[in-house]
Amino acid sequence: MLYGSGLRLMECLHLRVKDPDFPYRTITWYDAKGDQERVTILPQSIIEPLQYYLQIVKRTHEEDLAKGYGAVYLPYALERPGARTEIPRTTG
């Protein structure tokens, strides 16, 4: 994914489930170098495995929330009340 999209390691590690846009085959990174937003390609070969992985993560997140856990890191620009624990809808 790093090679195909051109993401830096820390950018990839901080991706959120809302960042990939499967129909448009893009990834939007909101906390890029220089505090800028940037859009890069989502490699075709990673779409199916990534969608499968996101289903597993969503299930795990729902279980964690039921146990009182599940908060996530959010860049400052995206922080709002309740955003750390909400279950987002993915595109695609």
PDB file of N, CA and C in Angstrom:
ATOM      1  N   MET A   1       0.824  -1.188   0.000  1.00  0.00           N
ATOM      2  CA  MET A   1       0.000   0.000   0.000  1.00  0.00           C
ATOM      3  C   MET A   1       0.872   1.258   0.000  1.00  0.00           C
ATOM      4  N   LEU A   2       1.969   1.222   0.761  1.00  0.00           N
ATOM      5  CA  LEU A   2       2.871   2.376   0.786  1.00  0.00           C
ATOM      6  C   LEU A   2       3.444   2.650  -0.603  1.00  0.00           C
ATOM      7  N   TYR A   3       3.901   1.621  -1.250  1.00  0.00           N
ATOM      8  CA  TYR A   3       4.518   1.777  -2.562  1.00  0.00           C
ATOM      9  C   TYR A   3       3.508   2.264  -3.598  1.00  0.00           C
ATOM     10  N   GLY A   4       2.333   1.640  -3.627  1.00  0.00           N
ATOM     11  CA  GLY A   4       1.335   1.966  -4.648  1.00  0.00           C
ATOM     12  C   GLY A   4       0.687   3.321  -4.475  1.00  0.00           C
ATOM     13  N   SER A   5       0.589   3.801  -3.244  1.00  0.00           N
ATOM     14  CA  SER A   5      -0.100   5.067  -3.000  1.00  0.00           C
ATOM     15  C   SER A   5       0.852   6.237  -2.801  1.00  0.00           C
ATOM     16  N   GLY A   6       2.104   5.953  -2.470  1.00  0.00           N
ATOM     17  CA  GLY A   6       3.061   7.012  -2.218  1.00  0.00           C
ATOM     18  C   GLY A   6       2.945   7.601  -0.821  1.00  0.00           C
ATOM     19  N   LEU A   7       2.221   6.921   0.062  1.00  0.00           N
ATOM     20  CA  LEU A   7       2.091   7.411   1.436  1.00  0.00           C
ATOM     21  C   LEU A   7       3.384   7.205   2.207  1.00  0.00           C
ATOM     22  N   ARG A   8       3.648   8.107   3.117  1.00  0.00           N
ATOM     23  CA  ARG A   8       4.758   7.925   4.045  1.00  0.00           C
ATOM     24  C   ARG A   8       4.316   6.933   5.122  1.00  0.00           C
ATOM     25  N   LEU A   9       5.268   6.333   5.818  1.00  0.00           N
ATOM     26  CA  LEU A   9       4.961   5.309   6.808  1.00  0.00           C
ATOM     27  C   LEU A   9       3.987   5.819   7.871  1.00  0.00           C
ATOM     28  N   MET A  10       4.270   6.951   8.474  1.00  0.00           N
ATOM     29  CA  MET A  10       3.403   7.466   9.536  1.00  0.00           C
ATOM     30  C   MET A  10       2.031   7.873   8.989  1.00  0.00           C
ATOM     31  N   GLU A  11       1.960   8.321   7.749  1.00  0.00           N
ATOM     32  CA  GLU A  11       0.667   8.634   7.138  1.00  0.00           C
ATOM     33  C   GLU A  11      -0.178   7.368   7.043  1.00  0.00           C
ATOM     34  N   CYS A  12       0.440   6.297   6.606  1.00  0.00           N
ATOM     35  CA  CYS A  12      -0.274   5.031   6.485  1.00  0.00           C
ATOM     36  C   CYS A  12      -0.726   4.513   7.847  1.00  0.00           C
ATOM     37  N   LEU A  13       0.131   4.641   8.842  1.00  0.00           N
ATOM     38  CA  LEU A  13      -0.211   4.158  10.180  1.00  0.00           C
ATOM     39  C   LEU A  13      -1.357   4.938  10.808  1.00  0.00           C
ATOM     40  N   HIS A  14      -1.531   6.196  10.430  1.00  0.00           N
ATOM     41  CA  HIS A  14      -2.589   7.023  10.996  1.00  0.00           C
ATOM     42  C   HIS A  14      -3.823   7.126  10.112  1.00  0.00           C
ATOM     43  N   LEU A  15      -3.912   6.334   9.052  1.00  0.00           N
ATOM     44  CA  LEU A  15      -5.112   6.358   8.204  1.00  0.00           C
ATOM     45  C   LEU A  15      -6.346   5.956   9.005  1.00  0.00           C
ATOM     46  N   ARG A  16      -7.464   6.545   8.657  1.00  0.00           N
ATOM     47  CA  ARG A  16      -8.731   6.213   9.301  1.00  0.00           C
ATOM     48  C   ARG A  16      -9.613   5.495   8.289  1.00  0.00           C
ATOM     49  N   VAL A  17     -10.659   4.850   8.733  1.00  0.00           N
ATOM     50  CA  VAL A  17     -11.518   4.095   7.816  1.00  0.00           C
ATOM     51  C   VAL A  17     -12.238   5.002   6.833  1.00  0.00           C
ATOM     52  N   LYS A  18     -12.372   6.271   7.143  1.00  0.00           N
ATOM     53  CA  LYS A  18     -13.023   7.208   6.225  1.00  0.00           C
ATOM     54  C   LYS A  18     -12.079   7.720   5.141  1.00  0.00           C
ATOM     55  N   ASP A  19     -10.795   7.506   5.279  1.00  0.00           N
ATOM     56  CA  ASP A  19      -9.834   8.089   4.348  1.00  0.00           C
ATOM     57  C   ASP A  19      -9.833   7.466   2.954  1.00  0.00           C
ATOM     58  N   PRO A  20      -9.962   6.151   2.805  1.00  0.00           N
ATOM     59  CA  PRO A  20     -10.029   5.599   1.442  1.00  0.00           C
ATOM     60  C   PRO A  20     -11.404   5.845   0.814  1.00  0.00           C
ATOM     61  N   ASP A  21     -11.395   6.222  -0.446  1.00  0.00           N
ATOM     62  CA  ASP A  21     -12.625   6.395  -1.217  1.00  0.00           C
ATOM     63  C   ASP A  21     -12.584   5.346  -2.330  1.00  0.00           C
ATOM     64  N   PHE A  22     -13.251   4.218  -2.084  1.00  0.00           N
ATOM     65  CA  PHE A  22     -13.157   3.086  -2.997  1.00  0.00           C
ATOM     66  C   PHE A  22     -13.709   3.369  -4.392  1.00  0.00           C
ATOM     67  N   PRO A  23     -14.880   4.016  -4.558  1.00  0.00           N
ATOM     68  CA  PRO A  23     -15.364   4.270  -5.917  1.00  0.00           C
ATOM     69  C   PRO A  23     -14.418   5.146  -6.753  1.00  0.00           C
ATOM     70  N   TYR A  24     -13.765   6.121  -6.116  1.00  0.00           N
ATOM     71  CA  TYR A  24     -12.859   7.008  -6.842  1.00  0.00           C
ATOM     72  C   TYR A  24     -11.413   6.545  -6.802  1.00  0.00           C
ATOM     73  N   ARG A  25     -11.144   5.453  -6.044  1.00  0.00           N
ATOM     74  CA  ARG A  25      -9.809   4.880  -5.915  1.00  0.00           C
ATOM     75  C   ARG A  25      -8.791   5.916  -5.439  1.00  0.00           C
ATOM     76  N   THR A  26      -9.169   6.639  -4.371  1.00  0.00           N
ATOM     77  CA  THR A  26      -8.274   7.631  -3.795  1.00  0.00           C
ATOM     78  C   THR A  26      -8.190   7.450  -2.281  1.00  0.00           C
ATOM     79  N   ILE A  27      -7.148   8.025  -1.697  1.00  0.00           N
ATOM     80  CA  ILE A  27      -6.985   8.101  -0.257  1.00  0.00           C
ATOM     81  C   ILE A  27      -6.744   9.571   0.065  1.00  0.00           C
ATOM     82  N   THR A  28      -7.516  10.120   0.987  1.00  0.00           N
ATOM     83  CA  THR A  28      -7.320  11.494   1.409  1.00  0.00           C
ATOM     84  C   THR A  28      -6.654  11.473   2.774  1.00  0.00           C
ATOM     85  N   TRP A  29      -5.516  12.115   2.862  1.00  0.00           N
ATOM     86  CA  TRP A  29      -4.749  12.190   4.101  1.00  0.00           C
ATOM     87  C   TRP A  29      -4.858  13.611   4.620  1.00  0.00           C
ATOM     88  N   TYR A  30      -5.438  13.791   5.827  1.00  0.00           N
ATOM     89  CA  TYR A  30      -5.775  15.113   6.343  1.00  0.00           C
ATOM     90  C   TYR A  30      -4.704  15.749   7.209  1.00  0.00           C
ATOM     91  N   ASP A  31      -3.653  15.059   7.527  1.00  0.00           N
ATOM     92  CA  ASP A  31      -2.626  15.604   8.404  1.00  0.00           C
ATOM     93  C   ASP A  31      -1.264  15.407   7.752  1.00  0.00           C
ATOM     94  N   ALA A  32      -1.186  15.755   6.466  1.00  0.00           N
ATOM     95  CA  ALA A  32       0.032  15.521   5.697  1.00  0.00           C
ATOM     96  C   ALA A  32       1.139  16.481   6.111  1.00  0.00           C
ATOM     97  N   LYS A  33       2.311  16.258   5.568  1.00  0.00           N
ATOM     98  CA  LYS A  33       3.476  17.092   5.861  1.00  0.00           C
ATOM     99  C   LYS A  33       3.121  18.560   5.609  1.00  0.00           C
ATOM    100  N   GLY A  34       3.461  19.406   6.552  1.00  0.00           N
ATOM    101  CA  GLY A  34       3.133  20.821   6.426  1.00  0.00           C
ATOM    102  C   GLY A  34       1.696  21.126   6.803  1.00  0.00           C
ATOM    103  N   ASP A  35       1.030  20.219   7.533  1.00  0.00           N
ATOM    104  CA  ASP A  35      -0.366  20.381   7.957  1.00  0.00           C
ATOM    105  C   ASP A  35      -1.303  20.656   6.784  1.00  0.00           C
ATOM    106  N   GLN A  36      -1.065  19.987   5.687  1.00  0.00           N
ATOM    107  CA  GLN A  36      -1.913  20.145   4.511  1.00  0.00           C
ATOM    108  C   GLN A  36      -2.668  18.853   4.237  1.00  0.00           C
ATOM    109  N   GLU A  37      -3.770  18.979   3.527  1.00  0.00           N
ATOM    110  CA  GLU A  37      -4.533  17.818   3.067  1.00  0.00           C
ATOM    111  C   GLU A  37      -3.939  17.385   1.738  1.00  0.00           C
ATOM    112  N   ARG A  38      -3.872  16.052   1.545  1.00  0.00           N
ATOM    113  CA  ARG A  38      -3.400  15.581   0.247  1.00  0.00           C
ATOM    114  C   ARG A  38      -4.172  14.347  -0.166  1.00  0.00           C
ATOM    115  N   VAL A  39      -4.341  14.202  -1.458  1.00  0.00           N
ATOM    116  CA  VAL A  39      -5.075  13.075  -2.027  1.00  0.00           C
ATOM    117  C   VAL A  39      -4.103  12.278  -2.886  1.00  0.00           C
ATOM    118  N   THR A  40      -4.132  10.958  -2.718  1.00  0.00           N
ATOM    119  CA  THR A  40      -3.268  10.086  -3.508  1.00  0.00           C
ATOM    120  C   THR A  40      -4.100   8.908  -4.008  1.00  0.00           C
ATOM    121  N   ILE A  41      -3.523   8.077  -4.842  1.00  0.00           N
ATOM    122  CA  ILE A  41      -4.269   6.973  -5.437  1.00  0.00           C
ATOM    123  C   ILE A  41      -4.386   5.792  -4.468  1.00  0.00           C
ATOM    124  N   LEU A  42      -5.453   5.041  -4.623  1.00  0.00           N
ATOM    125  CA  LEU A  42      -5.647   3.787  -3.894  1.00  0.00           C
ATOM    126  C   LEU A  42      -5.413   2.670  -4.911  1.00  0.00           C
ATOM    127  N   PRO A  43      -4.345   1.912  -4.753  1.00  0.00           N
ATOM    128  CA  PRO A  43      -4.027   0.873  -5.737  1.00  0.00           C
ATOM    129  C   PRO A  43      -5.162  -0.157  -5.887  1.00  0.00           C
ATOM    130  N   GLN A  44      -5.484  -0.507  -7.106  1.00  0.00           N
ATOM    131  CA  GLN A  44      -6.555  -1.463  -7.397  1.00  0.00           C
ATOM    132  C   GLN A  44      -6.324  -2.793  -6.683  1.00  0.00           C
ATOM    133  N   SER A  45      -5.082  -3.217  -6.602  1.00  0.00           N
ATOM    134  CA  SER A  45      -4.773  -4.524  -6.013  1.00  0.00           C
ATOM    135  C   SER A  45      -5.050  -4.580  -4.512  1.00  0.00           C
ATOM    136  N   ILE A  46      -5.175  -3.448  -3.849  1.00  0.00           N
ATOM    137  CA  ILE A  46      -5.372  -3.438  -2.401  1.00  0.00           C
ATOM    138  C   ILE A  46      -6.841  -3.231  -2.020  1.00  0.00           C
ATOM    139  N   ILE A  47      -7.695  -2.877  -2.959  1.00  0.00           N
ATOM    140  CA  ILE A  47      -9.083  -2.528  -2.641  1.00  0.00           C
ATOM    141  C   ILE A  47      -9.828  -3.676  -1.971  1.00  0.00           C
ATOM    142  N   GLU A  48      -9.850  -4.849  -2.570  1.00  0.00           N
ATOM    143  CA  GLU A  48     -10.595  -5.979  -1.995  1.00  0.00           C
ATOM    144  C   GLU A  48     -10.046  -6.413  -0.630  1.00  0.00           C
ATOM    145  N   PRO A  49      -8.721  -6.610  -0.500  1.00  0.00           N
ATOM    146  CA  PRO A  49      -8.205  -6.977   0.827  1.00  0.00           C
ATOM    147  C   PRO A  49      -8.458  -5.894   1.877  1.00  0.00           C
ATOM    148  N   LEU A  50      -8.395  -4.627   1.483  1.00  0.00           N
ATOM    149  CA  LEU A  50      -8.625  -3.542   2.432  1.00  0.00           C
ATOM    150  C   LEU A  50     -10.087  -3.501   2.874  1.00  0.00           C
ATOM    151  N   GLN A  51     -11.010  -3.708   1.948  1.00  0.00           N
ATOM    152  CA  GLN A  51     -12.426  -3.745   2.315  1.00  0.00           C
ATOM    153  C   GLN A  51     -12.709  -4.902   3.273  1.00  0.00           C
ATOM    154  N   TYR A  52     -12.116  -6.054   3.035  1.00  0.00           N
ATOM    155  CA  TYR A  52     -12.276  -7.203   3.923  1.00  0.00           C
ATOM    156  C   TYR A  52     -11.718  -6.883   5.308  1.00  0.00           C
ATOM    157  N   TYR A  53     -10.530  -6.294   5.343  1.00  0.00           N
ATOM    158  CA  TYR A  53      -9.899  -5.926   6.606  1.00  0.00           C
ATOM    159  C   TYR A  53     -10.768  -4.919   7.374  1.00  0.00           C
ATOM    160  N   LEU A  54     -11.345  -3.950   6.677  1.00  0.00           N
ATOM    161  CA  LEU A  54     -12.182  -2.941   7.333  1.00  0.00           C
ATOM    162  C   LEU A  54     -13.443  -3.561   7.950  1.00  0.00           C
ATOM    163  N   GLN A  55     -13.969  -4.620   7.337  1.00  0.00           N
ATOM    164  CA  GLN A  55     -15.115  -5.324   7.933  1.00  0.00           C
ATOM    165  C   GLN A  55     -14.707  -5.947   9.273  1.00  0.00           C
ATOM    166  N   ILE A  56     -13.537  -6.545   9.313  1.00  0.00           N
ATOM    167  CA  ILE A  56     -13.035  -7.157  10.551  1.00  0.00           C
ATOM    168  C   ILE A  56     -12.804  -6.086  11.619  1.00  0.00           C
ATOM    169  N   VAL A  57     -12.191  -4.986  11.217  1.00  0.00           N
ATOM    170  CA  VAL A  57     -11.908  -3.888  12.154  1.00  0.00           C
ATOM    171  C   VAL A  57     -13.214  -3.297  12.701  1.00  0.00           C
ATOM    172  N   LYS A  58     -14.211  -3.150  11.851  1.00  0.00           N
ATOM    173  CA  LYS A  58     -15.490  -2.599  12.297  1.00  0.00           C
ATOM    174  C   LYS A  58     -16.121  -3.507  13.359  1.00  0.00           C
ATOM    175  N   ARG A  59     -16.091  -4.802  13.124  1.00  0.00           N
ATOM    176  CA  ARG A  59     -16.636  -5.761  14.083  1.00  0.00           C
ATOM    177  C   ARG A  59     -15.896  -5.679  15.422  1.00  0.00           C
ATOM    178  N   THR A  60     -14.572  -5.617  15.343  1.00  0.00           N
ATOM    179  CA  THR A  60     -13.757  -5.506  16.555  1.00  0.00           C
ATOM    180  C   THR A  60     -14.041  -4.197  17.283  1.00  0.00           C
ATOM    181  N   HIS A  61     -14.184  -3.112  16.532  1.00  0.00           N
ATOM    182  CA  HIS A  61     -14.469  -1.804  17.120  1.00  0.00           C
ATOM    183  C   HIS A  61     -15.813  -1.815  17.850  1.00  0.00           C
ATOM    184  N   GLU A  62     -16.818  -2.429  17.248  1.00  0.00           N
ATOM    185  CA  GLU A  62     -18.136  -2.526  17.885  1.00  0.00           C
ATOM    186  C   GLU A  62     -18.051  -3.318  19.191  1.00  0.00           C
ATOM    187  N   GLU A  63     -17.274  -4.383  19.190  1.00  0.00           N
ATOM    188  CA  GLU A  63     -17.076  -5.173  20.410  1.00  0.00           C
ATOM    189  C   GLU A  63     -16.358  -4.349  21.476  1.00  0.00           C
ATOM    190  N   ASP A  64     -15.336  -3.602  21.071  1.00  0.00           N
ATOM    191  CA  ASP A  64     -14.608  -2.751  22.009  1.00  0.00           C
ATOM    192  C   ASP A  64     -15.508  -1.677  22.608  1.00  0.00           C
ATOM    193  N   LEU A  65     -16.343  -1.053  21.776  1.00  0.00           N
ATOM    194  CA  LEU A  65     -17.264  -0.031  22.282  1.00  0.00           C
ATOM    195  C   LEU A  65     -18.237  -0.615  23.299  1.00  0.00           C
ATOM    196  N   ALA A  66     -18.701  -1.820  23.045  1.00  0.00           N
ATOM    197  CA  ALA A  66     -19.618  -2.477  23.976  1.00  0.00           C
ATOM    198  C   ALA A  66     -18.950  -2.729  25.328  1.00  0.00           C
ATOM    199  N   LYS A  67     -17.618  -2.871  25.316  1.00  0.00           N
ATOM    200  CA  LYS A  67     -16.863  -3.095  26.551  1.00  0.00           C
ATOM    201  C   LYS A  67     -16.367  -1.787  27.175  1.00  0.00           C
ATOM    202  N   GLY A  68     -16.672  -0.651  26.534  1.00  0.00           N
ATOM    203  CA  GLY A  68     -16.245   0.642  27.068  1.00  0.00           C
ATOM    204  C   GLY A  68     -14.904   1.132  26.548  1.00  0.00           C
ATOM    205  N   TYR A  69     -14.377   0.484  25.517  1.00  0.00           N
ATOM    206  CA  TYR A  69     -13.107   0.887  24.910  1.00  0.00           C
ATOM    207  C   TYR A  69     -13.382   1.397  23.497  1.00  0.00           C
ATOM    208  N   GLY A  70     -12.338   1.654  22.724  1.00  0.00           N
ATOM    209  CA  GLY A  70     -12.512   1.922  21.303  1.00  0.00           C
ATOM    210  C   GLY A  70     -12.238   3.327  20.841  1.00  0.00           C
ATOM    211  N   ALA A  71     -11.665   4.209  21.663  1.00  0.00           N
ATOM    212  CA  ALA A  71     -11.333   5.555  21.207  1.00  0.00           C
ATOM    213  C   ALA A  71     -10.146   5.491  20.250  1.00  0.00           C
ATOM    214  N   VAL A  72     -10.092   6.391  19.277  1.00  0.00           N
ATOM    215  CA  VAL A  72      -9.043   6.394  18.266  1.00  0.00           C
ATOM    216  C   VAL A  72      -8.388   7.762  18.161  1.00  0.00           C
ATOM    217  N   TYR A  73      -7.205   7.799  17.563  1.00  0.00           N
ATOM    218  CA  TYR A  73      -6.499   9.047  17.300  1.00  0.00           C
ATOM    219  C   TYR A  73      -7.191   9.798  16.173  1.00  0.00           C
ATOM    220  N   LEU A  74      -7.354  11.100  16.330  1.00  0.00           N
ATOM    221  CA  LEU A  74      -7.864  11.953  15.263  1.00  0.00           C
ATOM    222  C   LEU A  74      -6.994  13.191  15.145  1.00  0.00           C
ATOM    223  N   PRO A  75      -6.684  13.615  13.911  1.00  0.00           N
ATOM    224  CA  PRO A  75      -5.962  14.874  13.759  1.00  0.00           C
ATOM    225  C   PRO A  75      -6.782  16.012  14.354  1.00  0.00           C
ATOM    226  N   TYR A  76      -6.103  17.045  14.825  1.00  0.00           N
ATOM    227  CA  TYR A  76      -6.767  18.174  15.480  1.00  0.00           C
ATOM    228  C   TYR A  76      -7.917  18.738  14.643  1.00  0.00           C
ATOM    229  N   ALA A  77      -7.734  18.854  13.340  1.00  0.00           N
ATOM    230  CA  ALA A  77      -8.750  19.464  12.474  1.00  0.00           C
ATOM    231  C   ALA A  77     -10.040  18.653  12.429  1.00  0.00           C
ATOM    232  N   LEU A  78      -9.999  17.382  12.772  1.00  0.00           N
ATOM    233  CA  LEU A  78     -11.180  16.526  12.677  1.00  0.00           C
ATOM    234  C   LEU A  78     -11.817  16.232  14.027  1.00  0.00           C
ATOM    235  N   GLU A  79     -11.213  16.722  15.092  1.00  0.00           N
ATOM    236  CA  GLU A  79     -11.709  16.452  16.438  1.00  0.00           C
ATOM    237  C   GLU A  79     -13.046  17.154  16.675  1.00  0.00           C
ATOM    238  N   ARG A  80     -14.002  16.430  17.187  1.00  0.00           N
ATOM    239  CA  ARG A  80     -15.292  16.983  17.607  1.00  0.00           C
ATOM    240  C   ARG A  80     -15.868  16.038  18.647  1.00  0.00           C
ATOM    241  N   PRO A  81     -16.810  16.501  19.460  1.00  0.00           N
ATOM    242  CA  PRO A  81     -17.360  15.621  20.501  1.00  0.00           C
ATOM    243  C   PRO A  81     -17.902  14.313  19.922  1.00  0.00           C
ATOM    244  N   GLY A  82     -17.514  13.204  20.511  1.00  0.00           N
ATOM    245  CA  GLY A  82     -18.011  11.889  20.092  1.00  0.00           C
ATOM    246  C   GLY A  82     -17.297  11.275  18.903  1.00  0.00           C
ATOM    247  N   ALA A  83     -16.455  12.017  18.218  1.00  0.00           N
ATOM    248  CA  ALA A  83     -15.819  11.515  16.997  1.00  0.00           C
ATOM    249  C   ALA A  83     -14.838  10.381  17.262  1.00  0.00           C
ATOM    250  N   ARG A  84     -14.246  10.339  18.441  1.00  0.00           N
ATOM    251  CA  ARG A  84     -13.244   9.303  18.733  1.00  0.00           C
ATOM    252  C   ARG A  84     -13.841   7.907  18.856  1.00  0.00           C
ATOM    253  N   THR A  85     -15.135   7.798  19.118  1.00  0.00           N
ATOM    254  CA  THR A  85     -15.726   6.477  19.326  1.00  0.00           C
ATOM    255  C   THR A  85     -16.845   6.143  18.345  1.00  0.00           C
ATOM    256  N   GLU A  86     -17.215   7.045  17.455  1.00  0.00           N
ATOM    257  CA  GLU A  86     -18.301   6.734  16.533  1.00  0.00           C
ATOM    258  C   GLU A  86     -17.865   5.713  15.502  1.00  0.00           C
ATOM    259  N   ILE A  87     -18.813   4.968  14.997  1.00  0.00           N
ATOM    260  CA  ILE A  87     -18.537   3.976  13.960  1.00  0.00           C
ATOM    261  C   ILE A  87     -18.888   4.617  12.625  1.00  0.00           C
ATOM    262  N   PRO A  88     -17.866   4.985  11.826  1.00  0.00           N
ATOM    263  CA  PRO A  88     -18.120   5.677  10.563  1.00  0.00           C
ATOM    264  C   PRO A  88     -18.587   4.719   9.494  1.00  0.00           C
ATOM    265  N   ARG A  89     -19.287   5.291   8.528  1.00  0.00           N
ATOM    266  CA  ARG A  89     -19.660   4.532   7.333  1.00  0.00           C
ATOM    267  C   ARG A  89     -18.548   4.694   6.330  1.00  0.00           C
ATOM    268  N   THR A  90     -18.120   3.601   5.729  1.00  0.00           N
ATOM    269  CA  THR A  90     -17.072   3.677   4.712  1.00  0.00           C
ATOM    270  C   THR A  90     -17.728   3.848   3.368  1.00  0.00           C
ATOM    271  N   THR A  91     -17.014   4.475   2.440  1.00  0.00           N
ATOM    272  CA  THR A  91     -17.521   4.644   1.084  1.00  0.00           C
ATOM    273  C   THR A  91     -17.235   3.379   0.302  1.00  0.00           C
ATOM    274  N   GLY A  92     -18.095   3.067  -0.612  1.00  0.00           N
ATOM    275  CA  GLY A  92     -17.848   1.909  -1.481  1.00  0.00           C
ATOM    276  C   GLY A  92     -18.628   0.775  -1.093  1.00  0.00           C
TER     277      GLY A  92
END
